[in-house]
Amino acid sequence: MRARFFRARSASGLASAVQAVRTASGRTQTELAESIHSSRPTISRMERGLPTATDTLIDALTECGYELVVVPRGSRVTVAAP
């Protein structure tokens, strides 16, 4: 199976990625919030691209089986399934 990856160049792009990985992991906003010791409104704000603490964003991605990678814009990135 090919791993799905996301390229986000804006807060709204990152928000869409967070929502997609949460949905793909089968979690509700409440379930994700509880698993990272946060709140459902925080997850909602994150998924709408509103300001959210970076550590909460990284915790949410990690809990859904993803990680944040920062590369120079326009770089070619190869993603291989784990």
PDB file of N, CA and C in Angstrom:
ATOM      1  N   MET A   1       0.830  -1.172   0.000  1.00  0.00           N
ATOM      2  CA  MET A   1       0.000   0.000   0.000  1.00  0.00           C
ATOM      3  C   MET A   1       0.882   1.245   0.000  1.00  0.00           C
ATOM      4  N   ARG A   2       0.512   2.221  -0.784  1.00  0.00           N
ATOM      5  CA  ARG A   2       1.276   3.456  -0.875  1.00  0.00           C
ATOM      6  C   ARG A   2       0.881   4.400   0.259  1.00  0.00           C
ATOM      7  N   ALA A   3       1.867   4.937   0.954  1.00  0.00           N
ATOM      8  CA  ALA A   3       1.599   5.854   2.062  1.00  0.00           C
ATOM      9  C   ALA A   3       1.058   7.167   1.517  1.00  0.00           C
ATOM     10  N   ARG A   4       0.046   7.711   2.168  1.00  0.00           N
ATOM     11  CA  ARG A   4      -0.500   8.997   1.757  1.00  0.00           C
ATOM     12  C   ARG A   4       0.302  10.093   2.443  1.00  0.00           C
ATOM     13  N   PHE A   5       0.678  11.097   1.673  1.00  0.00           N
ATOM     14  CA  PHE A   5       1.395  12.214   2.277  1.00  0.00           C
ATOM     15  C   PHE A   5       0.711  13.515   1.889  1.00  0.00           C
ATOM     16  N   PHE A   6       1.028  14.570   2.599  1.00  0.00           N
ATOM     17  CA  PHE A   6       0.403  15.869   2.386  1.00  0.00           C
ATOM     18  C   PHE A   6       1.481  16.928   2.265  1.00  0.00           C
ATOM     19  N   ARG A   7       1.292  17.840   1.336  1.00  0.00           N
ATOM     20  CA  ARG A   7       2.178  18.997   1.207  1.00  0.00           C
ATOM     21  C   ARG A   7       1.339  20.214   1.560  1.00  0.00           C
ATOM     22  N   ALA A   8       1.679  20.878   2.646  1.00  0.00           N
ATOM     23  CA  ALA A   8       0.913  22.035   3.107  1.00  0.00           C
ATOM     24  C   ALA A   8       1.787  23.278   3.038  1.00  0.00           C
ATOM     25  N   ARG A   9       1.278  24.292   2.362  1.00  0.00           N
ATOM     26  CA  ARG A   9       2.014  25.553   2.242  1.00  0.00           C
ATOM     27  C   ARG A   9       1.292  26.705   2.928  1.00  0.00           C
ATOM     28  N   SER A  10       0.258  26.354   3.667  1.00  0.00           N
ATOM     29  CA  SER A  10      -0.516  27.376   4.375  1.00  0.00           C
ATOM     30  C   SER A  10      -1.175  26.741   5.593  1.00  0.00           C
ATOM     31  N   ALA A  11      -1.693  27.587   6.461  1.00  0.00           N
ATOM     32  CA  ALA A  11      -2.394  27.075   7.643  1.00  0.00           C
ATOM     33  C   ALA A  11      -3.607  26.251   7.221  1.00  0.00           C
ATOM     34  N   SER A  12      -4.305  26.688   6.178  1.00  0.00           N
ATOM     35  CA  SER A  12      -5.483  25.931   5.739  1.00  0.00           C
ATOM     36  C   SER A  12      -5.086  24.583   5.143  1.00  0.00           C
ATOM     37  N   GLY A  13      -3.945  24.522   4.470  1.00  0.00           N
ATOM     38  CA  GLY A  13      -3.463  23.248   3.934  1.00  0.00           C
ATOM     39  C   GLY A  13      -3.078  22.281   5.035  1.00  0.00           C
ATOM     40  N   LEU A  14      -2.437  22.792   6.073  1.00  0.00           N
ATOM     41  CA  LEU A  14      -2.071  21.956   7.213  1.00  0.00           C
ATOM     42  C   LEU A  14      -3.328  21.509   7.958  1.00  0.00           C
ATOM     43  N   ALA A  15      -4.301  22.398   8.062  1.00  0.00           N
ATOM     44  CA  ALA A  15      -5.567  22.058   8.712  1.00  0.00           C
ATOM     45  C   ALA A  15      -6.262  20.910   7.985  1.00  0.00           C
ATOM     46  N   SER A  16      -6.280  20.973   6.667  1.00  0.00           N
ATOM     47  CA  SER A  16      -6.896  19.900   5.875  1.00  0.00           C
ATOM     48  C   SER A  16      -6.174  18.579   6.080  1.00  0.00           C
ATOM     49  N   ALA A  17      -4.859  18.633   6.169  1.00  0.00           N
ATOM     50  CA  ALA A  17      -4.074  17.415   6.393  1.00  0.00           C
ATOM     51  C   ALA A  17      -4.386  16.813   7.758  1.00  0.00           C
ATOM     52  N   VAL A  18      -4.472  17.645   8.785  1.00  0.00           N
ATOM     53  CA  VAL A  18      -4.778  17.148  10.130  1.00  0.00           C
ATOM     54  C   VAL A  18      -6.151  16.487  10.136  1.00  0.00           C
ATOM     55  N   GLN A  19      -7.118  17.124   9.513  1.00  0.00           N
ATOM     56  CA  GLN A  19      -8.465  16.550   9.474  1.00  0.00           C
ATOM     57  C   GLN A  19      -8.467  15.226   8.715  1.00  0.00           C
ATOM     58  N   ALA A  20      -7.747  15.169   7.609  1.00  0.00           N
ATOM     59  CA  ALA A  20      -7.697  13.937   6.811  1.00  0.00           C
ATOM     60  C   ALA A  20      -7.048  12.787   7.571  1.00  0.00           C
ATOM     61  N   VAL A  21      -5.948  13.054   8.271  1.00  0.00           N
ATOM     62  CA  VAL A  21      -5.288  11.957   8.991  1.00  0.00           C
ATOM     63  C   VAL A  21      -6.098  11.524  10.208  1.00  0.00           C
ATOM     64  N   ARG A  22      -6.787  12.470  10.833  1.00  0.00           N
ATOM     65  CA  ARG A  22      -7.650  12.097  11.961  1.00  0.00           C
ATOM     66  C   ARG A  22      -8.788  11.203  11.472  1.00  0.00           C
ATOM     67  N   THR A  23      -9.428  11.606  10.397  1.00  0.00           N
ATOM     68  CA  THR A  23     -10.529  10.827   9.836  1.00  0.00           C
ATOM     69  C   THR A  23     -10.050   9.451   9.399  1.00  0.00           C
ATOM     70  N   ALA A  24      -8.903   9.406   8.729  1.00  0.00           N
ATOM     71  CA  ALA A  24      -8.352   8.122   8.265  1.00  0.00           C
ATOM     72  C   ALA A  24      -7.998   7.207   9.432  1.00  0.00           C
ATOM     73  N   SER A  25      -7.661   7.794  10.575  1.00  0.00           N
ATOM     74  CA  SER A  25      -7.315   6.973  11.741  1.00  0.00           C
ATOM     75  C   SER A  25      -8.563   6.460  12.459  1.00  0.00           C
ATOM     76  N   GLY A  26      -9.727   6.907  12.010  1.00  0.00           N
ATOM     77  CA  GLY A  26     -10.977   6.440  12.595  1.00  0.00           C
ATOM     78  C   GLY A  26     -11.362   7.108  13.901  1.00  0.00           C
ATOM     79  N   ARG A  27     -10.750   8.253  14.191  1.00  0.00           N
ATOM     80  CA  ARG A  27     -11.026   8.936  15.458  1.00  0.00           C
ATOM     81  C   ARG A  27     -11.958  10.128  15.255  1.00  0.00           C
ATOM     82  N   THR A  28     -12.766  10.382  16.252  1.00  0.00           N
ATOM     83  CA  THR A  28     -13.534  11.623  16.281  1.00  0.00           C
ATOM     84  C   THR A  28     -12.634  12.711  16.859  1.00  0.00           C
ATOM     85  N   GLN A  29     -13.074  13.954  16.747  1.00  0.00           N
ATOM     86  CA  GLN A  29     -12.308  15.042  17.354  1.00  0.00           C
ATOM     87  C   GLN A  29     -12.174  14.824  18.860  1.00  0.00           C
ATOM     88  N   THR A  30     -13.237  14.377  19.483  1.00  0.00           N
ATOM     89  CA  THR A  30     -13.214  14.136  20.932  1.00  0.00           C
ATOM     90  C   THR A  30     -12.227  13.035  21.295  1.00  0.00           C
ATOM     91  N   GLU A  31     -12.244  11.945  20.543  1.00  0.00           N
ATOM     92  CA  GLU A  31     -11.325  10.833  20.825  1.00  0.00           C
ATOM     93  C   GLU A  31      -9.874  11.257  20.667  1.00  0.00           C
ATOM     94  N   LEU A  32      -9.579  12.005  19.601  1.00  0.00           N
ATOM     95  CA  LEU A  32      -8.208  12.473  19.402  1.00  0.00           C
ATOM     96  C   LEU A  32      -7.808  13.418  20.532  1.00  0.00           C
ATOM     97  N   ALA A  33      -8.690  14.333  20.870  1.00  0.00           N
ATOM     98  CA  ALA A  33      -8.392  15.285  21.946  1.00  0.00           C
ATOM     99  C   ALA A  33      -8.078  14.562  23.251  1.00  0.00           C
ATOM    100  N   GLU A  34      -8.895  13.580  23.593  1.00  0.00           N
ATOM    101  CA  GLU A  34      -8.665  12.839  24.840  1.00  0.00           C
ATOM    102  C   GLU A  34      -7.334  12.091  24.812  1.00  0.00           C
ATOM    103  N   SER A  35      -6.990  11.536  23.662  1.00  0.00           N
ATOM    104  CA  SER A  35      -5.758  10.740  23.585  1.00  0.00           C
ATOM    105  C   SER A  35      -4.493  11.586  23.687  1.00  0.00           C
ATOM    106  N   ILE A  36      -4.602  12.889  23.385  1.00  0.00           N
ATOM    107  CA  ILE A  36      -3.425  13.763  23.493  1.00  0.00           C
ATOM    108  C   ILE A  36      -3.575  14.761  24.645  1.00  0.00           C
ATOM    109  N   HIS A  37      -4.557  14.515  25.514  1.00  0.00           N
ATOM    110  CA  HIS A  37      -4.796  15.364  26.693  1.00  0.00           C
ATOM    111  C   HIS A  37      -5.059  16.813  26.290  1.00  0.00           C
ATOM    112  N   SER A  38      -5.950  16.963  25.319  1.00  0.00           N
ATOM    113  CA  SER A  38      -6.334  18.280  24.831  1.00  0.00           C
ATOM    114  C   SER A  38      -7.858  18.378  24.912  1.00  0.00           C
ATOM    115  N   SER A  39      -8.453  19.271  24.129  1.00  0.00           N
ATOM    116  CA  SER A  39      -9.912  19.422  24.135  1.00  0.00           C
ATOM    117  C   SER A  39     -10.449  19.364  22.709  1.00  0.00           C
ATOM    118  N   ARG A  40     -11.730  19.018  22.578  1.00  0.00           N
ATOM    119  CA  ARG A  40     -12.342  18.961  21.256  1.00  0.00           C
ATOM    120  C   ARG A  40     -12.320  20.329  20.572  1.00  0.00           C
ATOM    121  N   PRO A  41     -12.613  21.438  21.287  1.00  0.00           N
ATOM    122  CA  PRO A  41     -12.520  22.739  20.622  1.00  0.00           C
ATOM    123  C   PRO A  41     -11.118  23.042  20.070  1.00  0.00           C
ATOM    124  N   THR A  42     -10.077  22.570  20.749  1.00  0.00           N
ATOM    125  CA  THR A  42      -8.711  22.771  20.246  1.00  0.00           C
ATOM    126  C   THR A  42      -8.515  22.026  18.935  1.00  0.00           C
ATOM    127  N   ILE A  43      -8.994  20.784  18.862  1.00  0.00           N
ATOM    128  CA  ILE A  43      -8.877  20.007  17.622  1.00  0.00           C
ATOM    129  C   ILE A  43      -9.681  20.684  16.523  1.00  0.00           C
ATOM    130  N   SER A  44     -10.850  21.178  16.848  1.00  0.00           N
ATOM    131  CA  SER A  44     -11.679  21.889  15.874  1.00  0.00           C
ATOM    132  C   SER A  44     -10.955  23.121  15.338  1.00  0.00           C
ATOM    133  N   ARG A  45     -10.357  23.908  16.234  1.00  0.00           N
ATOM    134  CA  ARG A  45      -9.594  25.094  15.794  1.00  0.00           C
ATOM    135  C   ARG A  45      -8.440  24.689  14.886  1.00  0.00           C
ATOM    136  N   MET A  46      -7.748  23.618  15.266  1.00  0.00           N
ATOM    137  CA  MET A  46      -6.619  23.133  14.476  1.00  0.00           C
ATOM    138  C   MET A  46      -7.085  22.772  13.063  1.00  0.00           C
ATOM    139  N   GLU A  47      -8.225  22.085  12.970  1.00  0.00           N
ATOM    140  CA  GLU A  47      -8.733  21.632  11.678  1.00  0.00           C
ATOM    141  C   GLU A  47      -9.337  22.762  10.848  1.00  0.00           C
ATOM    142  N   ARG A  48      -9.522  23.928  11.449  1.00  0.00           N
ATOM    143  CA  ARG A  48      -9.997  25.098  10.715  1.00  0.00           C
ATOM    144  C   ARG A  48      -8.856  26.053  10.379  1.00  0.00           C
ATOM    145  N   GLY A  49      -7.639  25.679  10.751  1.00  0.00           N
ATOM    146  CA  GLY A  49      -6.478  26.502  10.426  1.00  0.00           C
ATOM    147  C   GLY A  49      -6.282  27.690  11.340  1.00  0.00           C
ATOM    148  N   LEU A  50      -6.921  27.656  12.503  1.00  0.00           N
ATOM    149  CA  LEU A  50      -6.765  28.741  13.468  1.00  0.00           C
ATOM    150  C   LEU A  50      -5.537  28.481  14.338  1.00  0.00           C
ATOM    151  N   PRO A  51      -5.008  29.517  14.975  1.00  0.00           N
ATOM    152  CA  PRO A  51      -3.797  29.336  15.783  1.00  0.00           C
ATOM    153  C   PRO A  51      -3.954  28.239  16.841  1.00  0.00           C
ATOM    154  N   THR A  52      -2.967  27.363  16.878  1.00  0.00           N
ATOM    155  CA  THR A  52      -2.928  26.244  17.821  1.00  0.00           C
ATOM    156  C   THR A  52      -1.474  26.056  18.238  1.00  0.00           C
ATOM    157  N   ALA A  53      -1.255  25.634  19.457  1.00  0.00           N
ATOM    158  CA  ALA A  53       0.111  25.390  19.928  1.00  0.00           C
ATOM    159  C   ALA A  53       0.787  24.333  19.055  1.00  0.00           C
ATOM    160  N   THR A  54       2.024  24.594  18.686  1.00  0.00           N
ATOM    161  CA  THR A  54       2.773  23.674  17.829  1.00  0.00           C
ATOM    162  C   THR A  54       2.894  22.292  18.445  1.00  0.00           C
ATOM    163  N   ASP A  55       3.127  22.213  19.745  1.00  0.00           N
ATOM    164  CA  ASP A  55       3.267  20.894  20.368  1.00  0.00           C
ATOM    165  C   ASP A  55       1.963  20.100  20.299  1.00  0.00           C
ATOM    166  N   THR A  56       0.821  20.778  20.362  1.00  0.00           N
ATOM    167  CA  THR A  56      -0.467  20.093  20.244  1.00  0.00           C
ATOM    168  C   THR A  56      -0.657  19.570  18.825  1.00  0.00           C
ATOM    169  N   LEU A  57      -0.276  20.367  17.840  1.00  0.00           N
ATOM    170  CA  LEU A  57      -0.352  19.940  16.445  1.00  0.00           C
ATOM    171  C   LEU A  57       0.511  18.704  16.214  1.00  0.00           C
ATOM    172  N   ILE A  58       1.736  18.735  16.697  1.00  0.00           N
ATOM    173  CA  ILE A  58       2.646  17.596  16.526  1.00  0.00           C
ATOM    174  C   ILE A  58       2.121  16.374  17.272  1.00  0.00           C
ATOM    175  N   ASP A  59       1.588  16.567  18.471  1.00  0.00           N
ATOM    176  CA  ASP A  59       1.006  15.446  19.218  1.00  0.00           C
ATOM    177  C   ASP A  59      -0.151  14.814  18.449  1.00  0.00           C
ATOM    178  N   ALA A  60      -1.005  15.639  17.856  1.00  0.00           N
ATOM    179  CA  ALA A  60      -2.154  15.127  17.102  1.00  0.00           C
ATOM    180  C   ALA A  60      -1.693  14.316  15.893  1.00  0.00           C
ATOM    181  N   LEU A  61      -0.729  14.840  15.145  1.00  0.00           N
ATOM    182  CA  LEU A  61      -0.211  14.114  13.983  1.00  0.00           C
ATOM    183  C   LEU A  61       0.434  12.801  14.406  1.00  0.00           C
ATOM    184  N   THR A  62       1.228  12.841  15.464  1.00  0.00           N
ATOM    185  CA  THR A  62       1.900  11.638  15.958  1.00  0.00           C
ATOM    186  C   THR A  62       0.890  10.587  16.385  1.00  0.00           C
ATOM    187  N   GLU A  63      -0.133  11.001  17.097  1.00  0.00           N
ATOM    188  CA  GLU A  63      -1.169  10.074  17.572  1.00  0.00           C
ATOM    189  C   GLU A  63      -1.892   9.396  16.403  1.00  0.00           C
ATOM    190  N   CYS A  64      -1.965  10.093  15.269  1.00  0.00           N
ATOM    191  CA  CYS A  64      -2.623   9.530  14.078  1.00  0.00           C
ATOM    192  C   CYS A  64      -1.643   8.774  13.180  1.00  0.00           C
ATOM    193  N   GLY A  65      -0.388   8.648  13.641  1.00  0.00           N
ATOM    194  CA  GLY A  65       0.598   7.882  12.890  1.00  0.00           C
ATOM    195  C   GLY A  65       1.372   8.675  11.856  1.00  0.00           C
ATOM    196  N   TYR A  66       1.401   9.993  12.005  1.00  0.00           N
ATOM    197  CA  TYR A  66       2.119  10.853  11.061  1.00  0.00           C
ATOM    198  C   TYR A  66       3.170  11.668  11.793  1.00  0.00           C
ATOM    199  N   GLU A  67       4.058  12.279  11.028  1.00  0.00           N
ATOM    200  CA  GLU A  67       5.040  13.196  11.598  1.00  0.00           C
ATOM    201  C   GLU A  67       5.171  14.390  10.676  1.00  0.00           C
ATOM    202  N   LEU A  68       5.666  15.476  11.219  1.00  0.00           N
ATOM    203  CA  LEU A  68       5.857  16.707  10.471  1.00  0.00           C
ATOM    204  C   LEU A  68       7.294  16.755   9.965  1.00  0.00           C
ATOM    205  N   VAL A  69       7.463  16.983   8.666  1.00  0.00           N
ATOM    206  CA  VAL A  69       8.790  17.077   8.058  1.00  0.00           C
ATOM    207  C   VAL A  69       8.876  18.429   7.356  1.00  0.00           C
ATOM    208  N   VAL A  70       9.940  19.167   7.596  1.00  0.00           N
ATOM    209  CA  VAL A  70      10.115  20.479   6.986  1.00  0.00           C
ATOM    210  C   VAL A  70      11.245  20.387   5.969  1.00  0.00           C
ATOM    211  N   VAL A  71      10.944  20.772   4.725  1.00  0.00           N
ATOM    212  CA  VAL A  71      11.933  20.710   3.645  1.00  0.00           C
ATOM    213  C   VAL A  71      11.894  22.025   2.865  1.00  0.00           C
ATOM    214  N   PRO A  72      12.951  22.335   2.113  1.00  0.00           N
ATOM    215  CA  PRO A  72      12.927  23.538   1.296  1.00  0.00           C
ATOM    216  C   PRO A  72      11.770  23.485   0.293  1.00  0.00           C
ATOM    217  N   ARG A  73      11.124  24.610   0.095  1.00  0.00           N
ATOM    218  CA  ARG A  73       9.989  24.690  -0.829  1.00  0.00           C
ATOM    219  C   ARG A  73      10.409  24.233  -2.222  1.00  0.00           C
ATOM    220  N   GLY A  74       9.547  23.454  -2.848  1.00  0.00           N
ATOM    221  CA  GLY A  74       9.813  22.956  -4.189  1.00  0.00           C
ATOM    222  C   GLY A  74      10.665  21.704  -4.226  1.00  0.00           C
ATOM    223  N   SER A  75      11.080  21.231  -3.070  1.00  0.00           N
ATOM    224  CA  SER A  75      11.914  20.024  -3.018  1.00  0.00           C
ATOM    225  C   SER A  75      11.135  18.814  -3.501  1.00  0.00           C
ATOM    226  N   ARG A  76      11.853  17.858  -4.037  1.00  0.00           N
ATOM    227  CA  ARG A  76      11.251  16.574  -4.388  1.00  0.00           C
ATOM    228  C   ARG A  76      11.435  15.667  -3.186  1.00  0.00           C
ATOM    229  N   VAL A  77      10.344  15.126  -2.727  1.00  0.00           N
ATOM    230  CA  VAL A  77      10.360  14.275  -1.547  1.00  0.00           C
ATOM    231  C   VAL A  77       9.806  12.915  -1.931  1.00  0.00           C
ATOM    232  N   THR A  78      10.515  11.872  -1.559  1.00  0.00           N
ATOM    233  CA  THR A  78      10.040  10.517  -1.798  1.00  0.00           C
ATOM    234  C   THR A  78       9.523   9.957  -0.483  1.00  0.00           C
ATOM    235  N   VAL A  79       8.310   9.440  -0.525  1.00  0.00           N
ATOM    236  CA  VAL A  79       7.699   8.865   0.672  1.00  0.00           C
ATOM    237  C   VAL A  79       7.519   7.376   0.430  1.00  0.00           C
ATOM    238  N   ALA A  80       8.131   6.582   1.284  1.00  0.00           N
ATOM    239  CA  ALA A  80       8.010   5.126   1.181  1.00  0.00           C
ATOM    240  C   ALA A  80       7.213   4.617   2.369  1.00  0.00           C
ATOM    241  N   ALA A  81       6.397   3.630   2.124  1.00  0.00           N
ATOM    242  CA  ALA A  81       5.610   3.041   3.212  1.00  0.00           C
ATOM    243  C   ALA A  81       6.546   2.454   4.261  1.00  0.00           C
ATOM    244  N   PRO A  82       6.176   2.589   5.537  1.00  0.00           N
ATOM    245  CA  PRO A  82       7.034   2.048   6.603  1.00  0.00           C
ATOM    246  C   PRO A  82       7.088   0.529   6.573  1.00  0.00           C
TER     247      PRO A  82
END
